[in-house]
Amino acid sequence: MYDLPYHKEKNEQVIKEFIVQYPFAFLAGSDLENKPVATQLPLLIKEKDRKKFLRGHIMKNTDHHKAFLQNNNVLAVFTGHHAYVSGTWYDNPYQPSTWNYMSVHAKGIIRFLDEVALVEVLRMTTLHFEDYNPQSETIFDNLPRPTPKKLMKAIVAFEIEIQEVDTVFKLSQDRDAKSYENILACLRIRGEAGQAIAAEMEKRTREVFKDDVVLD
């Protein structure tokens, strides 16, 4: 991960909201032979005893499940919208192009949970992604029996105690005011991803330029 101070997000609430907004994470680790493994899955963040945890579930006996049992150090990567930024948009166009994006890396220790916790994880996951609609047919408590029991035999819940969080919110913070304004204008007409990145840049305009300039 790039370790540039002007691309860091330090506000813990903003980081938490980012994880909630983009919960489909890339979970990576390695086995005892240092062979890398990874999977993609939704993770929910929660706090207890002044510590932060990620919760989810995976299929049993996969390469990543076996590796996480052997080596409980894992990395969860959360990514949001991203967009190409052409060097021609800068005040001086004779510069390399780049990419604007947002990413949160959470390192921690994974621990597998019992069947009681699995029920809780499945219940909370389905409710969360069904917008807490208790009438939805697909939430855990509304699935016809014995369907849940059959599914639960093949999966296992886990909890990751977050030990370290790093971020890259690369949003042209290192550019001059005119280039910043040009980048905003170009991103606004480049579809959903560009518009999302532009919106994030707009939020940070005053912070980036320390009240010296206000962009339209």
N, C-alpha and C. Protein backbone atom coordinates (compact mmCIF):
# COMPACT_ATOMS: atom_id res chain seq x y z
N MET A 1 0.84 -1.19 0.00
CA MET A 1 0.00 0.00 0.00
C MET A 1 0.88 1.25 0.00
N TYR A 2 0.51 2.22 -0.83
CA TYR A 2 1.25 3.48 -0.86
C TYR A 2 1.15 4.18 0.49
N ASP A 3 2.28 4.65 0.98
CA ASP A 3 2.33 5.27 2.31
C ASP A 3 2.65 6.75 2.17
N LEU A 4 1.73 7.49 1.55
CA LEU A 4 1.89 8.92 1.36
C LEU A 4 0.90 9.65 2.27
N PRO A 5 1.38 10.55 3.11
CA PRO A 5 0.52 11.15 4.13
C PRO A 5 -0.69 11.89 3.59
N TYR A 6 -0.57 12.52 2.41
CA TYR A 6 -1.69 13.29 1.90
C TYR A 6 -2.76 12.41 1.25
N HIS A 7 -2.51 11.11 1.16
CA HIS A 7 -3.51 10.18 0.64
C HIS A 7 -4.13 9.33 1.75
N LYS A 8 -3.93 9.70 3.00
CA LYS A 8 -4.45 8.92 4.12
C LYS A 8 -5.77 9.50 4.63
N GLU A 9 -6.69 8.62 5.01
CA GLU A 9 -7.91 9.03 5.70
C GLU A 9 -7.74 8.70 7.17
N LYS A 10 -7.76 9.72 8.03
CA LYS A 10 -7.49 9.53 9.45
C LYS A 10 -8.75 9.52 10.31
N ASN A 11 -9.86 9.93 9.74
CA ASN A 11 -11.11 9.99 10.50
C ASN A 11 -11.69 8.58 10.65
N GLU A 12 -11.73 8.06 11.89
CA GLU A 12 -12.18 6.69 12.13
C GLU A 12 -13.63 6.48 11.70
N GLN A 13 -14.46 7.49 11.87
CA GLN A 13 -15.86 7.36 11.48
C GLN A 13 -15.99 7.25 9.97
N VAL A 14 -15.20 8.00 9.23
CA VAL A 14 -15.21 7.92 7.77
C VAL A 14 -14.77 6.53 7.32
N ILE A 15 -13.74 5.99 7.97
CA ILE A 15 -13.25 4.65 7.63
C ILE A 15 -14.33 3.60 7.90
N LYS A 16 -14.98 3.71 9.04
CA LYS A 16 -16.05 2.76 9.38
C LYS A 16 -17.19 2.85 8.37
N GLU A 17 -17.59 4.06 8.01
CA GLU A 17 -18.67 4.25 7.04
C GLU A 17 -18.28 3.68 5.67
N PHE A 18 -17.00 3.78 5.32
CA PHE A 18 -16.52 3.23 4.06
C PHE A 18 -16.67 1.71 4.06
N ILE A 19 -16.29 1.06 5.15
CA ILE A 19 -16.42 -0.40 5.25
C ILE A 19 -17.88 -0.81 5.16
N VAL A 20 -18.76 -0.05 5.80
CA VAL A 20 -20.20 -0.35 5.75
C VAL A 20 -20.73 -0.16 4.33
N GLN A 21 -20.26 0.88 3.64
CA GLN A 21 -20.74 1.17 2.29
C GLN A 21 -20.22 0.18 1.26
N TYR A 22 -18.99 -0.32 1.46
CA TYR A 22 -18.37 -1.26 0.52
C TYR A 22 -17.98 -2.54 1.24
N PRO A 23 -18.94 -3.36 1.68
CA PRO A 23 -18.64 -4.50 2.55
C PRO A 23 -18.10 -5.74 1.84
N PHE A 24 -18.17 -5.75 0.50
CA PHE A 24 -17.71 -6.95 -0.21
C PHE A 24 -16.19 -6.89 -0.32
N ALA A 25 -15.53 -7.59 0.58
CA ALA A 25 -14.08 -7.45 0.78
C ALA A 25 -13.31 -8.59 0.13
N PHE A 26 -12.02 -8.33 -0.05
CA PHE A 26 -11.05 -9.31 -0.53
C PHE A 26 -10.27 -9.76 0.70
N LEU A 27 -10.46 -11.02 1.11
CA LEU A 27 -9.82 -11.54 2.33
C LEU A 27 -8.66 -12.45 1.93
N ALA A 28 -7.46 -12.08 2.37
CA ALA A 28 -6.26 -12.80 1.96
C ALA A 28 -5.45 -13.27 3.16
N GLY A 29 -4.70 -14.35 2.94
CA GLY A 29 -3.80 -14.89 3.96
C GLY A 29 -2.82 -15.84 3.30
N SER A 30 -2.20 -16.68 4.10
CA SER A 30 -1.28 -17.68 3.56
C SER A 30 -1.26 -18.89 4.47
N ASP A 31 -0.87 -20.04 3.90
CA ASP A 31 -0.81 -21.26 4.70
C ASP A 31 0.58 -21.38 5.33
N LEU A 32 0.85 -22.51 5.94
CA LEU A 32 2.13 -22.69 6.63
C LEU A 32 3.32 -22.72 5.68
N GLU A 33 3.05 -22.97 4.39
CA GLU A 33 4.12 -22.97 3.39
C GLU A 33 4.22 -21.62 2.69
N ASN A 34 3.53 -20.63 3.25
CA ASN A 34 3.50 -19.27 2.69
C ASN A 34 2.87 -19.21 1.31
N LYS A 35 2.03 -20.17 0.99
CA LYS A 35 1.27 -20.14 -0.25
C LYS A 35 0.09 -19.18 -0.05
N PRO A 36 -0.05 -18.16 -0.90
CA PRO A 36 -1.13 -17.18 -0.70
C PRO A 36 -2.49 -17.76 -1.04
N VAL A 37 -3.49 -17.35 -0.29
CA VAL A 37 -4.87 -17.74 -0.54
C VAL A 37 -5.74 -16.50 -0.40
N ALA A 38 -6.88 -16.52 -1.05
CA ALA A 38 -7.77 -15.37 -0.97
C ALA A 38 -9.19 -15.77 -1.33
N THR A 39 -10.13 -14.99 -0.84
CA THR A 39 -11.53 -15.15 -1.21
C THR A 39 -12.21 -13.80 -1.11
N GLN A 40 -13.33 -13.67 -1.78
CA GLN A 40 -14.12 -12.43 -1.71
C GLN A 40 -15.46 -12.73 -1.06
N LEU A 41 -15.83 -11.86 -0.13
CA LEU A 41 -17.03 -12.13 0.66
C LEU A 41 -17.47 -10.87 1.40
N PRO A 42 -18.74 -10.81 1.79
CA PRO A 42 -19.22 -9.66 2.56
C PRO A 42 -18.79 -9.77 4.02
N LEU A 43 -18.37 -8.64 4.59
CA LEU A 43 -17.97 -8.59 5.99
C LEU A 43 -18.72 -7.46 6.69
N LEU A 44 -19.18 -7.73 7.89
CA LEU A 44 -19.86 -6.73 8.71
C LEU A 44 -18.94 -6.32 9.85
N ILE A 45 -18.88 -5.04 10.12
CA ILE A 45 -18.03 -4.54 11.20
C ILE A 45 -18.86 -4.32 12.45
N LYS A 46 -18.28 -4.65 13.59
CA LYS A 46 -18.95 -4.43 14.87
C LYS A 46 -17.90 -4.09 15.93
N GLU A 47 -18.36 -3.51 17.00
CA GLU A 47 -17.48 -3.14 18.10
C GLU A 47 -17.97 -3.81 19.39
N LYS A 48 -17.00 -4.26 20.18
CA LYS A 48 -17.32 -4.77 21.50
C LYS A 48 -16.07 -4.65 22.37
N ASP A 49 -16.28 -4.31 23.62
CA ASP A 49 -15.18 -4.15 24.56
C ASP A 49 -14.11 -3.20 24.02
N ARG A 50 -14.56 -2.15 23.31
CA ARG A 50 -13.69 -1.11 22.76
C ARG A 50 -12.74 -1.65 21.69
N LYS A 51 -13.07 -2.78 21.11
CA LYS A 51 -12.31 -3.36 20.01
C LYS A 51 -13.20 -3.48 18.78
N LYS A 52 -12.58 -3.49 17.61
CA LYS A 52 -13.33 -3.61 16.36
C LYS A 52 -13.12 -4.99 15.76
N PHE A 53 -14.22 -5.54 15.23
CA PHE A 53 -14.20 -6.88 14.66
C PHE A 53 -14.92 -6.88 13.31
N LEU A 54 -14.51 -7.81 12.45
CA LEU A 54 -15.21 -8.10 11.21
C LEU A 54 -15.79 -9.50 11.32
N ARG A 55 -17.02 -9.66 10.87
CA ARG A 55 -17.66 -10.98 10.94
C ARG A 55 -18.17 -11.40 9.57
N GLY A 56 -18.07 -12.71 9.31
CA GLY A 56 -18.57 -13.25 8.06
C GLY A 56 -18.61 -14.76 8.11
N HIS A 57 -18.77 -15.39 6.97
CA HIS A 57 -18.75 -16.85 6.92
C HIS A 57 -18.18 -17.30 5.58
N ILE A 58 -17.59 -18.49 5.56
CA ILE A 58 -17.02 -19.05 4.34
C ILE A 58 -17.36 -20.54 4.26
N MET A 59 -17.15 -21.10 3.09
CA MET A 59 -17.37 -22.53 2.91
C MET A 59 -16.24 -23.32 3.56
N LYS A 60 -16.59 -24.41 4.19
CA LYS A 60 -15.60 -25.25 4.84
C LYS A 60 -14.75 -26.01 3.83
N ASN A 61 -13.55 -26.35 4.28
CA ASN A 61 -12.64 -27.24 3.55
C ASN A 61 -12.20 -26.70 2.19
N THR A 62 -12.27 -25.40 2.01
CA THR A 62 -11.68 -24.78 0.83
C THR A 62 -10.21 -24.50 1.12
N ASP A 63 -9.47 -24.07 0.09
CA ASP A 63 -8.05 -23.79 0.33
C ASP A 63 -7.87 -22.64 1.33
N HIS A 64 -8.75 -21.62 1.24
CA HIS A 64 -8.60 -20.51 2.17
C HIS A 64 -9.03 -20.88 3.58
N HIS A 65 -10.06 -21.69 3.74
CA HIS A 65 -10.46 -22.13 5.07
C HIS A 65 -9.32 -22.91 5.74
N LYS A 66 -8.74 -23.84 5.00
CA LYS A 66 -7.66 -24.65 5.56
C LYS A 66 -6.44 -23.78 5.89
N ALA A 67 -6.14 -22.82 5.01
CA ALA A 67 -4.99 -21.95 5.26
C ALA A 67 -5.21 -21.06 6.47
N PHE A 68 -6.42 -20.52 6.63
CA PHE A 68 -6.72 -19.66 7.78
C PHE A 68 -6.68 -20.45 9.09
N LEU A 69 -6.96 -21.75 9.02
CA LEU A 69 -6.83 -22.59 10.21
C LEU A 69 -5.36 -22.75 10.59
N GLN A 70 -4.49 -22.81 9.59
CA GLN A 70 -3.07 -22.99 9.83
C GLN A 70 -2.37 -21.68 10.23
N ASN A 71 -2.81 -20.59 9.63
CA ASN A 71 -2.19 -19.29 9.86
C ASN A 71 -3.32 -18.27 10.02
N ASN A 72 -3.50 -17.79 11.24
CA ASN A 72 -4.66 -16.94 11.51
C ASN A 72 -4.45 -15.46 11.25
N ASN A 73 -3.34 -15.10 10.62
CA ASN A 73 -3.11 -13.71 10.23
C ASN A 73 -3.75 -13.46 8.87
N VAL A 74 -4.66 -12.47 8.79
CA VAL A 74 -5.38 -12.22 7.55
C VAL A 74 -5.40 -10.72 7.24
N LEU A 75 -5.69 -10.43 5.99
CA LEU A 75 -5.82 -9.06 5.52
C LEU A 75 -7.14 -8.94 4.76
N ALA A 76 -7.98 -8.00 5.20
CA ALA A 76 -9.24 -7.72 4.50
C ALA A 76 -9.10 -6.38 3.78
N VAL A 77 -9.35 -6.38 2.48
CA VAL A 77 -9.22 -5.18 1.66
C VAL A 77 -10.61 -4.75 1.18
N PHE A 78 -10.98 -3.53 1.52
CA PHE A 78 -12.25 -2.95 1.10
C PHE A 78 -11.96 -1.88 0.05
N THR A 79 -12.60 -1.96 -1.10
CA THR A 79 -12.36 -0.99 -2.16
C THR A 79 -13.67 -0.35 -2.61
N GLY A 80 -13.57 0.93 -2.98
CA GLY A 80 -14.73 1.65 -3.47
C GLY A 80 -14.58 1.97 -4.95
N HIS A 81 -15.25 3.04 -5.38
CA HIS A 81 -15.15 3.44 -6.77
C HIS A 81 -13.72 3.88 -7.10
N HIS A 82 -13.38 3.81 -8.38
CA HIS A 82 -12.06 4.23 -8.83
C HIS A 82 -12.20 4.80 -10.23
N ALA A 83 -11.25 5.65 -10.62
CA ALA A 83 -11.37 6.30 -11.92
C ALA A 83 -10.00 6.69 -12.47
N TYR A 84 -9.83 6.54 -13.76
CA TYR A 84 -8.63 6.98 -14.47
C TYR A 84 -8.58 8.50 -14.48
N VAL A 85 -7.39 9.05 -14.23
CA VAL A 85 -7.18 10.50 -14.27
C VAL A 85 -6.09 10.77 -15.31
N SER A 86 -6.49 11.40 -16.41
CA SER A 86 -5.55 11.67 -17.50
C SER A 86 -4.62 12.83 -17.15
N GLY A 87 -3.36 12.68 -17.51
CA GLY A 87 -2.41 13.77 -17.31
C GLY A 87 -2.79 15.02 -18.08
N THR A 88 -3.60 14.85 -19.14
CA THR A 88 -4.01 16.01 -19.94
C THR A 88 -4.99 16.91 -19.19
N TRP A 89 -5.50 16.44 -18.04
CA TRP A 89 -6.43 17.25 -17.26
C TRP A 89 -5.70 18.20 -16.31
N TYR A 90 -4.39 18.04 -16.16
CA TYR A 90 -3.62 18.90 -15.26
C TYR A 90 -3.37 20.25 -15.93
N ASP A 91 -3.08 21.23 -15.10
CA ASP A 91 -2.74 22.55 -15.62
C ASP A 91 -1.55 22.46 -16.57
N ASN A 92 -0.58 21.62 -16.22
CA ASN A 92 0.52 21.28 -17.12
C ASN A 92 0.26 19.86 -17.62
N PRO A 93 -0.20 19.68 -18.87
CA PRO A 93 -0.61 18.35 -19.34
C PRO A 93 0.53 17.40 -19.63
N TYR A 94 1.77 17.86 -19.63
CA TYR A 94 2.90 17.00 -19.94
C TYR A 94 3.37 16.25 -18.70
N GLN A 95 2.45 15.44 -18.14
CA GLN A 95 2.72 14.67 -16.93
C GLN A 95 2.09 13.30 -17.05
N PRO A 96 2.59 12.33 -16.32
CA PRO A 96 2.00 10.99 -16.38
C PRO A 96 0.56 10.99 -15.86
N SER A 97 -0.23 10.12 -16.44
CA SER A 97 -1.59 9.92 -15.94
C SER A 97 -1.56 9.07 -14.69
N THR A 98 -2.70 8.95 -14.01
CA THR A 98 -2.75 8.18 -12.77
C THR A 98 -4.15 7.63 -12.56
N TRP A 99 -4.40 7.16 -11.36
CA TRP A 99 -5.69 6.56 -11.03
C TRP A 99 -6.09 7.07 -9.64
N ASN A 100 -7.33 7.53 -9.51
CA ASN A 100 -7.86 7.90 -8.21
C ASN A 100 -8.72 6.76 -7.67
N TYR A 101 -8.57 6.48 -6.40
CA TYR A 101 -9.31 5.36 -5.80
C TYR A 101 -9.30 5.49 -4.28
N MET A 102 -10.14 4.64 -3.66
CA MET A 102 -10.21 4.60 -2.20
C MET A 102 -10.12 3.14 -1.76
N SER A 103 -9.33 2.89 -0.73
CA SER A 103 -9.13 1.54 -0.26
C SER A 103 -8.82 1.53 1.23
N VAL A 104 -9.40 0.57 1.94
CA VAL A 104 -9.12 0.37 3.36
C VAL A 104 -8.58 -1.04 3.55
N HIS A 105 -7.41 -1.15 4.21
CA HIS A 105 -6.80 -2.44 4.51
C HIS A 105 -6.90 -2.69 6.01
N ALA A 106 -7.53 -3.78 6.38
CA ALA A 106 -7.66 -4.14 7.80
C ALA A 106 -6.92 -5.46 8.05
N LYS A 107 -5.87 -5.39 8.86
CA LYS A 107 -5.12 -6.59 9.24
C LYS A 107 -5.60 -7.08 10.59
N GLY A 108 -5.67 -8.40 10.75
CA GLY A 108 -6.13 -8.91 12.03
C GLY A 108 -5.95 -10.41 12.18
N ILE A 109 -6.52 -10.91 13.25
CA ILE A 109 -6.46 -12.33 13.60
C ILE A 109 -7.83 -12.94 13.42
N ILE A 110 -7.91 -14.00 12.61
CA ILE A 110 -9.18 -14.66 12.36
C ILE A 110 -9.40 -15.80 13.35
N ARG A 111 -10.64 -15.90 13.81
CA ARG A 111 -11.02 -16.98 14.75
C ARG A 111 -12.33 -17.57 14.27
N PHE A 112 -12.38 -18.89 14.14
CA PHE A 112 -13.59 -19.55 13.69
C PHE A 112 -14.54 -19.78 14.87
N LEU A 113 -15.84 -19.66 14.59
CA LEU A 113 -16.85 -19.64 15.63
C LEU A 113 -17.70 -20.91 15.62
N ASP A 114 -18.49 -21.08 16.68
CA ASP A 114 -19.33 -22.28 16.79
C ASP A 114 -20.66 -22.09 16.04
N GLU A 115 -21.51 -23.11 16.10
CA GLU A 115 -22.76 -23.10 15.34
C GLU A 115 -23.73 -22.04 15.84
N VAL A 116 -23.71 -21.77 17.14
CA VAL A 116 -24.58 -20.72 17.68
C VAL A 116 -24.21 -19.37 17.07
N ALA A 117 -22.93 -19.10 17.00
CA ALA A 117 -22.46 -17.85 16.40
C ALA A 117 -22.75 -17.82 14.90
N LEU A 118 -22.68 -18.98 14.24
CA LEU A 118 -22.99 -19.04 12.82
C LEU A 118 -24.42 -18.59 12.56
N VAL A 119 -25.34 -19.05 13.38
CA VAL A 119 -26.74 -18.62 13.26
C VAL A 119 -26.84 -17.11 13.38
N GLU A 120 -26.15 -16.55 14.35
CA GLU A 120 -26.17 -15.10 14.55
C GLU A 120 -25.60 -14.37 13.34
N VAL A 121 -24.48 -14.87 12.81
CA VAL A 121 -23.85 -14.23 11.65
C VAL A 121 -24.78 -14.30 10.44
N LEU A 122 -25.38 -15.44 10.19
CA LEU A 122 -26.29 -15.59 9.05
C LEU A 122 -27.51 -14.70 9.22
N ARG A 123 -28.03 -14.63 10.42
CA ARG A 123 -29.20 -13.79 10.69
C ARG A 123 -28.87 -12.32 10.44
N MET A 124 -27.75 -11.85 10.98
CA MET A 124 -27.39 -10.44 10.84
C MET A 124 -27.02 -10.10 9.39
N THR A 125 -26.34 -11.03 8.71
CA THR A 125 -25.94 -10.78 7.32
C THR A 125 -27.16 -10.65 6.41
N THR A 126 -28.08 -11.58 6.53
CA THR A 126 -29.26 -11.53 5.66
C THR A 126 -30.13 -10.32 5.99
N LEU A 127 -30.29 -10.01 7.25
CA LEU A 127 -31.08 -8.83 7.62
C LEU A 127 -30.42 -7.56 7.09
N HIS A 128 -29.12 -7.47 7.25
CA HIS A 128 -28.40 -6.26 6.82
C HIS A 128 -28.59 -6.01 5.32
N PHE A 129 -28.38 -7.04 4.51
CA PHE A 129 -28.44 -6.84 3.07
C PHE A 129 -29.86 -6.87 2.51
N GLU A 130 -30.83 -7.21 3.34
CA GLU A 130 -32.24 -7.07 2.98
C GLU A 130 -32.85 -5.82 3.61
N ASP A 131 -31.96 -4.87 3.97
CA ASP A 131 -32.39 -3.58 4.53
C ASP A 131 -33.26 -3.74 5.77
N TYR A 132 -32.94 -4.75 6.55
CA TYR A 132 -33.62 -5.01 7.82
C TYR A 132 -35.13 -5.16 7.64
N ASN A 133 -35.51 -5.79 6.55
CA ASN A 133 -36.91 -6.09 6.29
C ASN A 133 -37.23 -7.48 6.84
N PRO A 134 -37.92 -7.58 7.97
CA PRO A 134 -38.17 -8.90 8.58
C PRO A 134 -39.13 -9.76 7.76
N GLN A 135 -39.79 -9.16 6.76
CA GLN A 135 -40.74 -9.91 5.95
C GLN A 135 -40.08 -10.56 4.73
N SER A 136 -38.83 -10.24 4.47
CA SER A 136 -38.16 -10.80 3.30
C SER A 136 -38.05 -12.32 3.41
N GLU A 137 -38.41 -13.00 2.33
CA GLU A 137 -38.42 -14.47 2.35
C GLU A 137 -37.02 -15.07 2.46
N THR A 138 -36.00 -14.30 2.10
CA THR A 138 -34.65 -14.87 2.04
C THR A 138 -33.85 -14.71 3.32
N ILE A 139 -34.35 -13.94 4.30
CA ILE A 139 -33.58 -13.81 5.54
C ILE A 139 -33.57 -15.14 6.28
N PHE A 140 -32.56 -15.32 7.09
CA PHE A 140 -32.31 -16.63 7.71
C PHE A 140 -33.53 -17.18 8.42
N ASP A 141 -34.20 -16.37 9.21
CA ASP A 141 -35.31 -16.86 10.03
C ASP A 141 -36.54 -17.24 9.21
N ASN A 142 -36.62 -16.80 7.96
CA ASN A 142 -37.79 -17.10 7.13
C ASN A 142 -37.55 -18.23 6.14
N LEU A 143 -36.32 -18.77 6.09
CA LEU A 143 -36.06 -19.89 5.19
C LEU A 143 -36.79 -21.14 5.70
N PRO A 144 -37.41 -21.92 4.79
CA PRO A 144 -38.12 -23.12 5.22
C PRO A 144 -37.16 -24.17 5.79
N ARG A 145 -37.56 -24.79 6.88
CA ARG A 145 -36.76 -25.88 7.45
C ARG A 145 -36.96 -27.11 6.59
N PRO A 146 -35.94 -27.96 6.41
CA PRO A 146 -34.63 -27.92 7.08
C PRO A 146 -33.52 -27.24 6.26
N THR A 147 -33.87 -26.34 5.36
CA THR A 147 -32.89 -25.70 4.49
C THR A 147 -31.70 -25.11 5.24
N PRO A 148 -31.92 -24.31 6.31
CA PRO A 148 -30.78 -23.72 7.01
C PRO A 148 -29.80 -24.76 7.54
N LYS A 149 -30.31 -25.85 8.09
CA LYS A 149 -29.43 -26.87 8.66
C LYS A 149 -28.56 -27.50 7.59
N LYS A 150 -29.12 -27.72 6.41
CA LYS A 150 -28.34 -28.29 5.32
C LYS A 150 -27.23 -27.35 4.90
N LEU A 151 -27.56 -26.07 4.80
CA LEU A 151 -26.56 -25.07 4.40
C LEU A 151 -25.46 -24.93 5.44
N MET A 152 -25.86 -24.96 6.70
CA MET A 152 -24.90 -24.72 7.78
C MET A 152 -23.84 -25.80 7.90
N LYS A 153 -24.12 -26.99 7.38
CA LYS A 153 -23.14 -28.06 7.44
C LYS A 153 -21.92 -27.76 6.56
N ALA A 154 -22.14 -26.91 5.56
CA ALA A 154 -21.08 -26.66 4.59
C ALA A 154 -20.32 -25.36 4.84
N ILE A 155 -20.72 -24.57 5.84
CA ILE A 155 -20.09 -23.27 6.05
C ILE A 155 -19.69 -23.10 7.52
N VAL A 156 -18.85 -22.11 7.75
CA VAL A 156 -18.40 -21.82 9.10
C VAL A 156 -18.29 -20.31 9.26
N ALA A 157 -18.69 -19.82 10.42
CA ALA A 157 -18.59 -18.39 10.71
C ALA A 157 -17.23 -18.07 11.30
N PHE A 158 -16.83 -16.82 11.13
CA PHE A 158 -15.56 -16.38 11.70
C PHE A 158 -15.66 -14.94 12.17
N GLU A 159 -14.68 -14.58 12.98
CA GLU A 159 -14.56 -13.22 13.50
C GLU A 159 -13.11 -12.81 13.37
N ILE A 160 -12.88 -11.61 12.88
CA ILE A 160 -11.52 -11.08 12.75
C ILE A 160 -11.36 -9.90 13.70
N GLU A 161 -10.46 -10.03 14.66
CA GLU A 161 -10.16 -8.90 15.52
C GLU A 161 -9.19 -7.98 14.77
N ILE A 162 -9.63 -6.78 14.48
CA ILE A 162 -8.80 -5.83 13.71
C ILE A 162 -7.67 -5.32 14.60
N GLN A 163 -6.47 -5.48 14.12
CA GLN A 163 -5.30 -5.02 14.87
C GLN A 163 -4.62 -3.81 14.23
N GLU A 164 -4.83 -3.63 12.94
CA GLU A 164 -4.19 -2.50 12.25
C GLU A 164 -5.03 -2.12 11.03
N VAL A 165 -5.21 -0.83 10.83
CA VAL A 165 -5.96 -0.33 9.68
C VAL A 165 -5.11 0.68 8.93
N ASP A 166 -5.05 0.52 7.63
CA ASP A 166 -4.35 1.49 6.79
C ASP A 166 -5.27 1.88 5.66
N THR A 167 -5.05 3.06 5.10
CA THR A 167 -5.95 3.56 4.06
C THR A 167 -5.18 4.24 2.94
N VAL A 168 -5.77 4.21 1.76
CA VAL A 168 -5.37 5.08 0.67
C VAL A 168 -6.65 5.69 0.09
N PHE A 169 -6.82 6.99 0.28
CA PHE A 169 -7.90 7.73 -0.36
C PHE A 169 -7.20 8.69 -1.34
N LYS A 170 -6.82 8.16 -2.49
CA LYS A 170 -6.03 8.91 -3.46
C LYS A 170 -6.98 9.73 -4.33
N LEU A 171 -7.11 11.00 -4.01
CA LEU A 171 -8.13 11.85 -4.62
C LEU A 171 -7.54 13.18 -5.09
N SER A 172 -6.37 13.11 -5.69
CA SER A 172 -5.69 14.28 -6.26
C SER A 172 -5.37 15.36 -5.24
N GLN A 173 -5.14 14.94 -3.98
CA GLN A 173 -4.82 15.92 -2.94
C GLN A 173 -3.49 16.63 -3.18
N ASP A 174 -2.62 16.04 -4.01
CA ASP A 174 -1.30 16.63 -4.24
C ASP A 174 -1.26 17.55 -5.46
N ARG A 175 -2.43 17.86 -6.04
CA ARG A 175 -2.48 18.70 -7.23
C ARG A 175 -2.77 20.16 -6.87
N ASP A 176 -2.38 21.05 -7.78
CA ASP A 176 -2.68 22.47 -7.58
C ASP A 176 -4.18 22.72 -7.80
N ALA A 177 -4.65 23.89 -7.38
CA ALA A 177 -6.09 24.18 -7.40
C ALA A 177 -6.69 24.12 -8.80
N LYS A 178 -5.99 24.66 -9.80
CA LYS A 178 -6.53 24.66 -11.16
C LYS A 178 -6.63 23.23 -11.70
N SER A 179 -5.60 22.43 -11.48
CA SER A 179 -5.65 21.03 -11.92
C SER A 179 -6.77 20.28 -11.21
N TYR A 180 -6.91 20.53 -9.92
CA TYR A 180 -7.96 19.88 -9.12
C TYR A 180 -9.33 20.19 -9.71
N GLU A 181 -9.55 21.46 -10.06
CA GLU A 181 -10.83 21.86 -10.64
C GLU A 181 -11.04 21.20 -11.99
N ASN A 182 -9.99 21.12 -12.80
CA ASN A 182 -10.10 20.46 -14.11
C ASN A 182 -10.43 18.98 -13.95
N ILE A 183 -9.78 18.32 -13.01
CA ILE A 183 -10.03 16.89 -12.76
C ILE A 183 -11.48 16.68 -12.35
N LEU A 184 -11.98 17.52 -11.45
CA LEU A 184 -13.38 17.43 -11.04
C LEU A 184 -14.32 17.53 -12.23
N ALA A 185 -14.09 18.52 -13.08
CA ALA A 185 -14.96 18.74 -14.23
C ALA A 185 -14.96 17.54 -15.17
N CYS A 186 -13.79 16.96 -15.39
CA CYS A 186 -13.69 15.80 -16.29
C CYS A 186 -14.32 14.55 -15.69
N LEU A 187 -14.14 14.35 -14.40
CA LEU A 187 -14.70 13.15 -13.76
C LEU A 187 -16.22 13.20 -13.71
N ARG A 188 -16.77 14.38 -13.59
CA ARG A 188 -18.24 14.52 -13.48
C ARG A 188 -18.97 14.00 -14.72
N ILE A 189 -18.29 13.92 -15.85
CA ILE A 189 -18.95 13.47 -17.09
C ILE A 189 -18.47 12.08 -17.49
N ARG A 190 -17.88 11.34 -16.55
CA ARG A 190 -17.35 10.02 -16.88
C ARG A 190 -18.05 8.90 -16.13
N GLY A 191 -19.37 8.92 -16.13
CA GLY A 191 -20.15 7.82 -15.61
C GLY A 191 -20.18 7.74 -14.10
N GLU A 192 -20.75 6.65 -13.61
CA GLU A 192 -20.98 6.50 -12.17
C GLU A 192 -19.69 6.55 -11.36
N ALA A 193 -18.67 5.83 -11.80
CA ALA A 193 -17.42 5.78 -11.03
C ALA A 193 -16.77 7.16 -10.98
N GLY A 194 -16.69 7.83 -12.12
CA GLY A 194 -16.10 9.15 -12.15
C GLY A 194 -16.87 10.13 -11.29
N GLN A 195 -18.18 10.07 -11.35
CA GLN A 195 -19.01 10.96 -10.55
C GLN A 195 -18.84 10.70 -9.06
N ALA A 196 -18.70 9.43 -8.70
CA ALA A 196 -18.51 9.09 -7.29
C ALA A 196 -17.18 9.62 -6.77
N ILE A 197 -16.12 9.48 -7.57
CA ILE A 197 -14.82 10.00 -7.17
C ILE A 197 -14.86 11.53 -7.10
N ALA A 198 -15.52 12.16 -8.06
CA ALA A 198 -15.65 13.62 -8.04
C ALA A 198 -16.37 14.07 -6.77
N ALA A 199 -17.41 13.36 -6.39
CA ALA A 199 -18.16 13.72 -5.18
C ALA A 199 -17.27 13.63 -3.94
N GLU A 200 -16.42 12.59 -3.89
CA GLU A 200 -15.51 12.46 -2.75
C GLU A 200 -14.49 13.59 -2.76
N MET A 201 -14.01 13.97 -3.92
CA MET A 201 -13.07 15.08 -4.01
C MET A 201 -13.71 16.39 -3.56
N GLU A 202 -14.94 16.58 -3.97
CA GLU A 202 -15.65 17.81 -3.59
C GLU A 202 -15.78 17.94 -2.08
N LYS A 203 -16.02 16.83 -1.41
CA LYS A 203 -16.14 16.84 0.05
C LYS A 203 -14.86 17.34 0.71
N ARG A 204 -13.74 17.07 0.06
CA ARG A 204 -12.44 17.35 0.67
C ARG A 204 -11.78 18.64 0.17
N THR A 205 -12.48 19.37 -0.68
CA THR A 205 -11.88 20.56 -1.28
C THR A 205 -11.34 21.53 -0.24
N ARG A 206 -12.17 21.87 0.72
CA ARG A 206 -11.76 22.86 1.72
C ARG A 206 -10.60 22.33 2.57
N GLU A 207 -10.64 21.04 2.89
CA GLU A 207 -9.56 20.46 3.67
C GLU A 207 -8.25 20.45 2.88
N VAL A 208 -8.33 20.11 1.60
CA VAL A 208 -7.13 20.02 0.78
C VAL A 208 -6.47 21.37 0.62
N PHE A 209 -7.28 22.42 0.42
CA PHE A 209 -6.71 23.73 0.15
C PHE A 209 -6.75 24.68 1.35
N LYS A 210 -7.10 24.16 2.53
CA LYS A 210 -7.01 24.89 3.77
C LYS A 210 -7.67 26.27 3.71
N ASP A 211 -8.87 26.29 3.11
CA ASP A 211 -9.68 27.52 3.04
C ASP A 211 -9.08 28.60 2.14
N ASP A 212 -8.00 28.30 1.42
CA ASP A 212 -7.40 29.31 0.56
C ASP A 212 -8.15 29.48 -0.75
N VAL A 213 -8.89 28.42 -1.12
CA VAL A 213 -9.63 28.50 -2.37
C VAL A 213 -10.89 27.68 -2.22
N VAL A 214 -11.94 28.11 -2.85
CA VAL A 214 -13.19 27.36 -2.88
C VAL A 214 -13.55 27.14 -4.34
N LEU A 215 -13.66 25.89 -4.73
CA LEU A 215 -13.96 25.57 -6.12
C LEU A 215 -15.46 25.55 -6.34
N ASP A 216 -15.87 25.87 -7.55
CA ASP A 216 -17.29 25.83 -7.90
C ASP A 216 -17.78 24.39 -7.96
